[in-house]
Amino acid sequence: EEIKTYRRLVEGRRTDGLIVVRTRR
């Protein structure tokens, strides 16, 4: 679901940039 959220934001041009937190290895 998280990747789907990123896809909607990027492909729908809903934001100019993203901040990724709680990074995983």
PDB file of all heavy atoms in Angstrom:
ATOM      1  N   GLU A   1       0.816  -1.210   0.000  1.00  0.00           N
ATOM      2  CA  GLU A   1       0.000   0.000   0.000  1.00  0.00           C
ATOM      3  C   GLU A   1       0.850   1.261   0.000  1.00  0.00           C
ATOM      4  O   GLU A   1       0.487   2.282  -0.590  1.00  0.00           O
ATOM      5  CB  GLU A   1      -0.947   0.004   1.213  1.00  0.00           C
ATOM      6  CG  GLU A   1      -2.071  -0.993   1.118  1.00  0.00           C
ATOM      7  CD  GLU A   1      -2.925  -0.774  -0.128  1.00  0.00           C
ATOM      8  OE1 GLU A   1      -3.275   0.398  -0.401  1.00  0.00           O
ATOM      9  OE2 GLU A   1      -3.241  -1.754  -0.813  1.00  0.00           O
ATOM     10  N   GLU A   2       2.000   1.161   0.646  1.00  0.00           N
ATOM     11  CA  GLU A   2       2.895   2.307   0.694  1.00  0.00           C
ATOM     12  C   GLU A   2       3.432   2.647  -0.694  1.00  0.00           C
ATOM     13  O   GLU A   2       3.462   3.815  -1.098  1.00  0.00           O
ATOM     14  CB  GLU A   2       4.048   1.993   1.658  1.00  0.00           C
ATOM     15  CG  GLU A   2       4.868   3.188   2.069  1.00  0.00           C
ATOM     16  CD  GLU A   2       5.911   2.808   3.098  1.00  0.00           C
ATOM     17  OE1 GLU A   2       6.083   1.596   3.384  1.00  0.00           O
ATOM     18  OE2 GLU A   2       6.577   3.718   3.602  1.00  0.00           O
ATOM     19  N   ILE A   3       3.843   1.638  -1.439  1.00  0.00           N
ATOM     20  CA  ILE A   3       4.335   1.866  -2.799  1.00  0.00           C
ATOM     21  C   ILE A   3       3.213   2.417  -3.681  1.00  0.00           C
ATOM     22  O   ILE A   3       3.439   3.293  -4.528  1.00  0.00           O
ATOM     23  CB  ILE A   3       4.906   0.567  -3.399  1.00  0.00           C
ATOM     24  CG1 ILE A   3       6.143   0.121  -2.620  1.00  0.00           C
ATOM     25  CG2 ILE A   3       5.263   0.758  -4.872  1.00  0.00           C
ATOM     26  CD1 ILE A   3       7.292   1.112  -2.661  1.00  0.00           C
ATOM     27  N   LYS A   4       1.991   1.922  -3.493  1.00  0.00           N
ATOM     28  CA  LYS A   4       0.856   2.453  -4.242  1.00  0.00           C
ATOM     29  C   LYS A   4       0.667   3.950  -3.964  1.00  0.00           C
ATOM     30  O   LYS A   4       0.335   4.729  -4.870  1.00  0.00           O
ATOM     31  CB  LYS A   4      -0.425   1.688  -3.889  1.00  0.00           C
ATOM     32  CG  LYS A   4      -0.491   0.282  -4.463  1.00  0.00           C
ATOM     33  CD  LYS A   4      -1.799  -0.382  -4.060  1.00  0.00           C
ATOM     34  CE  LYS A   4      -1.898  -1.801  -4.625  1.00  0.00           C
ATOM     35  NZ  LYS A   4      -3.152  -2.474  -4.186  1.00  0.00           N
ATOM     36  N   THR A   5       0.881   4.357  -2.712  1.00  0.00           N
ATOM     37  CA  THR A   5       0.763   5.772  -2.355  1.00  0.00           C
ATOM     38  C   THR A   5       1.811   6.599  -3.087  1.00  0.00           C
ATOM     39  O   THR A   5       1.517   7.661  -3.652  1.00  0.00           O
ATOM     40  CB  THR A   5       0.913   5.949  -0.835  1.00  0.00           C
ATOM     41  OG1 THR A   5      -0.120   5.216  -0.163  1.00  0.00           O
ATOM     42  CG2 THR A   5       0.828   7.418  -0.446  1.00  0.00           C
ATOM     43  N   TYR A   6       3.059   6.110  -3.109  1.00  0.00           N
ATOM     44  CA  TYR A   6       4.119   6.809  -3.839  1.00  0.00           C
ATOM     45  C   TYR A   6       3.781   6.898  -5.323  1.00  0.00           C
ATOM     46  O   TYR A   6       3.990   7.931  -5.967  1.00  0.00           O
ATOM     47  CB  TYR A   6       5.452   6.093  -3.646  1.00  0.00           C
ATOM     48  CG  TYR A   6       6.143   6.435  -2.349  1.00  0.00           C
ATOM     49  CD1 TYR A   6       5.826   5.767  -1.173  1.00  0.00           C
ATOM     50  CD2 TYR A   6       7.112   7.426  -2.300  1.00  0.00           C
ATOM     51  CE1 TYR A   6       6.456   6.076   0.020  1.00  0.00           C
ATOM     52  CE2 TYR A   6       7.750   7.748  -1.109  1.00  0.00           C
ATOM     53  CZ  TYR A   6       7.413   7.069   0.049  1.00  0.00           C
ATOM     54  OH  TYR A   6       8.042   7.383   1.231  1.00  0.00           O
ATOM     55  N   ARG A   7       3.256   5.817  -5.882  1.00  0.00           N
ATOM     56  CA  ARG A   7       2.915   5.801  -7.303  1.00  0.00           C
ATOM     57  C   ARG A   7       1.833   6.842  -7.612  1.00  0.00           C
ATOM     58  O   ARG A   7       1.937   7.579  -8.608  1.00  0.00           O
ATOM     59  CB  ARG A   7       2.436   4.400  -7.707  1.00  0.00           C
ATOM     60  CG  ARG A   7       2.198   4.248  -9.201  1.00  0.00           C
ATOM     61  CD  ARG A   7       1.682   2.857  -9.529  1.00  0.00           C
ATOM     62  NE  ARG A   7       2.663   1.831  -9.210  1.00  0.00           N
ATOM     63  CZ  ARG A   7       3.653   1.472 -10.004  1.00  0.00           C
ATOM     64  NH1 ARG A   7       3.793   2.052 -11.184  1.00  0.00           N
ATOM     65  NH2 ARG A   7       4.489   0.530  -9.632  1.00  0.00           N
ATOM     66  N   ARG A   8       0.815   6.923  -6.766  1.00  0.00           N
ATOM     67  CA  ARG A   8      -0.248   7.912  -6.994  1.00  0.00           C
ATOM     68  C   ARG A   8       0.309   9.331  -6.951  1.00  0.00           C
ATOM     69  O   ARG A   8      -0.060  10.182  -7.766  1.00  0.00           O
ATOM     70  CB  ARG A   8      -1.349   7.760  -5.938  1.00  0.00           C
ATOM     71  CG  ARG A   8      -2.264   6.569  -6.148  1.00  0.00           C
ATOM     72  CD  ARG A   8      -3.542   6.714  -5.333  1.00  0.00           C
ATOM     73  NE  ARG A   8      -3.265   6.858  -3.900  1.00  0.00           N
ATOM     74  CZ  ARG A   8      -3.125   5.847  -3.058  1.00  0.00           C
ATOM     75  NH1 ARG A   8      -3.225   4.603  -3.503  1.00  0.00           N
ATOM     76  NH2 ARG A   8      -2.883   6.061  -1.784  1.00  0.00           N
ATOM     77  N   LEU A   9       1.188   9.581  -6.002  1.00  0.00           N
ATOM     78  CA  LEU A   9       1.748  10.923  -5.866  1.00  0.00           C
ATOM     79  C   LEU A   9       2.601  11.308  -7.067  1.00  0.00           C
ATOM     80  O   LEU A   9       2.501  12.424  -7.596  1.00  0.00           O
ATOM     81  CB  LEU A   9       2.589  11.001  -4.585  1.00  0.00           C
ATOM     82  CG  LEU A   9       1.824  10.991  -3.271  1.00  0.00           C
ATOM     83  CD1 LEU A   9       2.774  10.716  -2.109  1.00  0.00           C
ATOM     84  CD2 LEU A   9       1.097  12.319  -3.054  1.00  0.00           C
ATOM     85  N   VAL A  10       3.447  10.387  -7.505  1.00  0.00           N
ATOM     86  CA  VAL A  10       4.392  10.690  -8.583  1.00  0.00           C
ATOM     87  C   VAL A  10       3.699  10.691  -9.936  1.00  0.00           C
ATOM     88  O   VAL A  10       3.815  11.656 -10.705  1.00  0.00           O
ATOM     89  CB  VAL A  10       5.554   9.675  -8.564  1.00  0.00           C
ATOM     90  CG1 VAL A  10       6.452   9.854  -9.789  1.00  0.00           C
ATOM     91  CG2 VAL A  10       6.371   9.832  -7.286  1.00  0.00           C
ATOM     92  N   GLU A  11       2.975   9.625 -10.242  1.00  0.00           N
ATOM     93  CA  GLU A  11       2.358   9.521 -11.561  1.00  0.00           C
ATOM     94  C   GLU A  11       1.191  10.483 -11.723  1.00  0.00           C
ATOM     95  O   GLU A  11       0.889  10.901 -12.841  1.00  0.00           O
ATOM     96  CB  GLU A  11       1.919   8.077 -11.807  1.00  0.00           C
ATOM     97  CG  GLU A  11       3.110   7.115 -11.883  1.00  0.00           C
ATOM     98  CD  GLU A  11       2.692   5.677 -12.146  1.00  0.00           C
ATOM     99  OE1 GLU A  11       1.473   5.399 -12.135  1.00  0.00           O
ATOM    100  OE2 GLU A  11       3.587   4.843 -12.344  1.00  0.00           O
ATOM    101  N   GLY A  12       0.553  10.850 -10.615  1.00  0.00           N
ATOM    102  CA  GLY A  12      -0.532  11.839 -10.681  1.00  0.00           C
ATOM    103  C   GLY A  12      -0.043  13.263 -10.573  1.00  0.00           C
ATOM    104  O   GLY A  12      -0.849  14.193 -10.563  1.00  0.00           O
ATOM    105  N   ARG A  13       1.278  13.452 -10.467  1.00  0.00           N
ATOM    106  CA  ARG A  13       1.883  14.778 -10.365  1.00  0.00           C
ATOM    107  C   ARG A  13       1.259  15.589  -9.233  1.00  0.00           C
ATOM    108  O   ARG A  13       0.948  16.774  -9.374  1.00  0.00           O
ATOM    109  CB  ARG A  13       1.769  15.532 -11.691  1.00  0.00           C
ATOM    110  CG  ARG A  13       2.506  14.848 -12.834  1.00  0.00           C
ATOM    111  CD  ARG A  13       2.444  15.646 -14.105  1.00  0.00           C
ATOM    112  NE  ARG A  13       3.161  14.987 -15.192  1.00  0.00           N
ATOM    113  CZ  ARG A  13       3.270  15.460 -16.416  1.00  0.00           C
ATOM    114  NH1 ARG A  13       2.678  16.612 -16.730  1.00  0.00           N
ATOM    115  NH2 ARG A  13       3.940  14.802 -17.343  1.00  0.00           N
ATOM    116  N   ARG A  14       1.122  14.943  -8.084  1.00  0.00           N
ATOM    117  CA  ARG A  14       0.497  15.586  -6.930  1.00  0.00           C
ATOM    118  C   ARG A  14       1.511  16.237  -5.998  1.00  0.00           C
ATOM    119  O   ARG A  14       1.117  16.842  -4.996  1.00  0.00           O
ATOM    120  CB  ARG A  14      -0.337  14.567  -6.163  1.00  0.00           C
ATOM    121  CG  ARG A  14      -1.442  13.939  -6.995  1.00  0.00           C
ATOM    122  CD  ARG A  14      -2.238  12.943  -6.197  1.00  0.00           C
ATOM    123  NE  ARG A  14      -3.246  12.279  -7.022  1.00  0.00           N
ATOM    124  CZ  ARG A  14      -4.139  11.401  -6.560  1.00  0.00           C
ATOM    125  NH1 ARG A  14      -4.127  11.082  -5.277  1.00  0.00           N
ATOM    126  NH2 ARG A  14      -5.016  10.839  -7.371  1.00  0.00           N
ATOM    127  N   THR A  15       2.780  16.077  -6.275  1.00  0.00           N
ATOM    128  CA  THR A  15       3.815  16.658  -5.434  1.00  0.00           C
ATOM    129  C   THR A  15       5.058  16.877  -6.285  1.00  0.00           C
ATOM    130  O   THR A  15       5.225  16.264  -7.349  1.00  0.00           O
ATOM    131  CB  THR A  15       4.123  15.723  -4.238  1.00  0.00           C
ATOM    132  OG1 THR A  15       4.971  16.399  -3.320  1.00  0.00           O
ATOM    133  CG2 THR A  15       4.797  14.431  -4.691  1.00  0.00           C
ATOM    134  N   ASP A  16       5.939  17.771  -5.812  1.00  0.00           N
ATOM    135  CA  ASP A  16       7.185  18.042  -6.542  1.00  0.00           C
ATOM    136  C   ASP A  16       8.368  17.264  -5.987  1.00  0.00           C
ATOM    137  O   ASP A  16       9.414  17.177  -6.639  1.00  0.00           O
ATOM    138  CB  ASP A  16       7.515  19.538  -6.485  1.00  0.00           C
ATOM    139  CG  ASP A  16       6.503  20.377  -7.254  1.00  0.00           C
ATOM    140  OD1 ASP A  16       5.837  19.831  -8.155  1.00  0.00           O
ATOM    141  OD2 ASP A  16       6.369  21.574  -6.938  1.00  0.00           O
ATOM    142  N   GLY A  17       8.224  16.731  -4.784  1.00  0.00           N
ATOM    143  CA  GLY A  17       9.327  15.996  -4.180  1.00  0.00           C
ATOM    144  C   GLY A  17       8.850  15.236  -2.962  1.00  0.00           C
ATOM    145  O   GLY A  17       7.795  15.539  -2.390  1.00  0.00           O
ATOM    146  N   LEU A  18       9.639  14.242  -2.547  1.00  0.00           N
ATOM    147  CA  LEU A  18       9.230  13.366  -1.446  1.00  0.00           C
ATOM    148  C   LEU A  18      10.343  13.244  -0.410  1.00  0.00           C
ATOM    149  O   LEU A  18      11.535  13.213  -0.747  1.00  0.00           O
ATOM    150  CB  LEU A  18       8.883  11.978  -1.978  1.00  0.00           C
ATOM    151  CG  LEU A  18       7.550  11.890  -2.723  1.00  0.00           C
ATOM    152  CD1 LEU A  18       7.545  10.748  -3.723  1.00  0.00           C
ATOM    153  CD2 LEU A  18       6.403  11.721  -1.725  1.00  0.00           C
ATOM    154  N   ILE A  19       9.938  13.157   0.849  1.00  0.00           N
ATOM    155  CA  ILE A  19      10.848  12.917   1.963  1.00  0.00           C
ATOM    156  C   ILE A  19      10.553  11.520   2.491  1.00  0.00           C
ATOM    157  O   ILE A  19       9.421  11.230   2.899  1.00  0.00           O
ATOM    158  CB  ILE A  19      10.651  13.957   3.071  1.00  0.00           C
ATOM    159  CG1 ILE A  19      10.890  15.366   2.517  1.00  0.00           C
ATOM    160  CG2 ILE A  19      11.586  13.674   4.248  1.00  0.00           C
ATOM    161  CD1 ILE A  19      10.306  16.463   3.373  1.00  0.00           C
ATOM    162  N   VAL A  20      11.543  10.657   2.452  1.00  0.00           N
ATOM    163  CA  VAL A  20      11.384   9.259   2.865  1.00  0.00           C
ATOM    164  C   VAL A  20      11.979   9.091   4.255  1.00  0.00           C
ATOM    165  O   VAL A  20      13.145   9.424   4.479  1.00  0.00           O
ATOM    166  CB  VAL A  20      12.082   8.306   1.870  1.00  0.00           C
ATOM    167  CG1 VAL A  20      11.902   6.857   2.295  1.00  0.00           C
ATOM    168  CG2 VAL A  20      11.537   8.527   0.456  1.00  0.00           C
ATOM    169  N   VAL A  21      11.185   8.580   5.186  1.00  0.00           N
ATOM    170  CA  VAL A  21      11.655   8.385   6.560  1.00  0.00           C
ATOM    171  C   VAL A  21      11.560   6.912   6.949  1.00  0.00           C
ATOM    172  O   VAL A  21      10.980   6.099   6.232  1.00  0.00           O
ATOM    173  CB  VAL A  21      10.840   9.243   7.549  1.00  0.00           C
ATOM    174  CG1 VAL A  21      11.037  10.726   7.263  1.00  0.00           C
ATOM    175  CG2 VAL A  21       9.354   8.898   7.490  1.00  0.00           C
ATOM    176  N   ARG A  22      12.152   6.588   8.099  1.00  0.00           N
ATOM    177  CA  ARG A  22      12.215   5.204   8.580  1.00  0.00           C
ATOM    178  C   ARG A  22      12.820   4.290   7.516  1.00  0.00           C
ATOM    179  O   ARG A  22      12.228   3.280   7.116  1.00  0.00           O
ATOM    180  CB  ARG A  22      10.831   4.691   8.973  1.00  0.00           C
ATOM    181  CG  ARG A  22      10.288   5.279  10.263  1.00  0.00           C
ATOM    182  CD  ARG A  22       8.964   4.627  10.603  1.00  0.00           C
ATOM    183  NE  ARG A  22       8.345   5.241  11.776  1.00  0.00           N
ATOM    184  CZ  ARG A  22       7.067   5.086  12.118  1.00  0.00           C
ATOM    185  NH1 ARG A  22       6.273   4.359  11.363  1.00  0.00           N
ATOM    186  NH2 ARG A  22       6.592   5.649  13.200  1.00  0.00           N
ATOM    187  N   THR A  23      13.980   4.678   7.039  1.00  0.00           N
ATOM    188  CA  THR A  23      14.603   3.911   5.957  1.00  0.00           C
ATOM    189  C   THR A  23      14.939   2.489   6.390  1.00  0.00           C
ATOM    190  O   THR A  23      15.319   2.239   7.535  1.00  0.00           O
ATOM    191  CB  THR A  23      15.879   4.602   5.464  1.00  0.00           C
ATOM    192  OG1 THR A  23      16.696   4.936   6.587  1.00  0.00           O
ATOM    193  CG2 THR A  23      15.554   5.845   4.682  1.00  0.00           C
ATOM    194  N   ARG A  24      14.792   1.583   5.439  1.00  0.00           N
ATOM    195  CA  ARG A  24      15.083   0.168   5.666  1.00  0.00           C
ATOM    196  C   ARG A  24      16.326  -0.215   4.878  1.00  0.00           C
ATOM    197  O   ARG A  24      16.657   0.428   3.884  1.00  0.00           O
ATOM    198  CB  ARG A  24      13.892  -0.675   5.217  1.00  0.00           C
ATOM    199  CG  ARG A  24      12.611  -0.282   5.950  1.00  0.00           C
ATOM    200  CD  ARG A  24      11.354  -0.553   5.138  1.00  0.00           C
ATOM    201  NE  ARG A  24      10.236   0.214   5.700  1.00  0.00           N
ATOM    202  CZ  ARG A  24       9.134   0.487   5.064  1.00  0.00           C
ATOM    203  NH1 ARG A  24       8.980   0.079   3.817  1.00  0.00           N
ATOM    204  NH2 ARG A  24       8.172   1.178   5.642  1.00  0.00           N
ATOM    205  N   ARG A  25      16.975  -1.252   5.323  1.00  0.00           N
ATOM    206  CA  ARG A  25      18.183  -1.696   4.617  1.00  0.00           C
ATOM    207  C   ARG A  25      17.846  -2.072   3.176  1.00  0.00           C
ATOM    208  O   ARG A  25      18.543  -1.694   2.243  1.00  0.00           O
ATOM    209  CB  ARG A  25      18.806  -2.873   5.367  1.00  0.00           C
ATOM    210  CG  ARG A  25      19.331  -2.499   6.743  1.00  0.00           C
ATOM    211  CD  ARG A  25      19.757  -3.723   7.524  1.00  0.00           C
ATOM    212  NE  ARG A  25      20.883  -4.388   6.886  1.00  0.00           N
ATOM    213  CZ  ARG A  25      21.336  -5.585   7.238  1.00  0.00           C
ATOM    214  NH1 ARG A  25      20.736  -6.259   8.218  1.00  0.00           N
ATOM    215  NH2 ARG A  25      22.374  -6.122   6.623  1.00  0.00           N
TER     216      ARG A  25
END
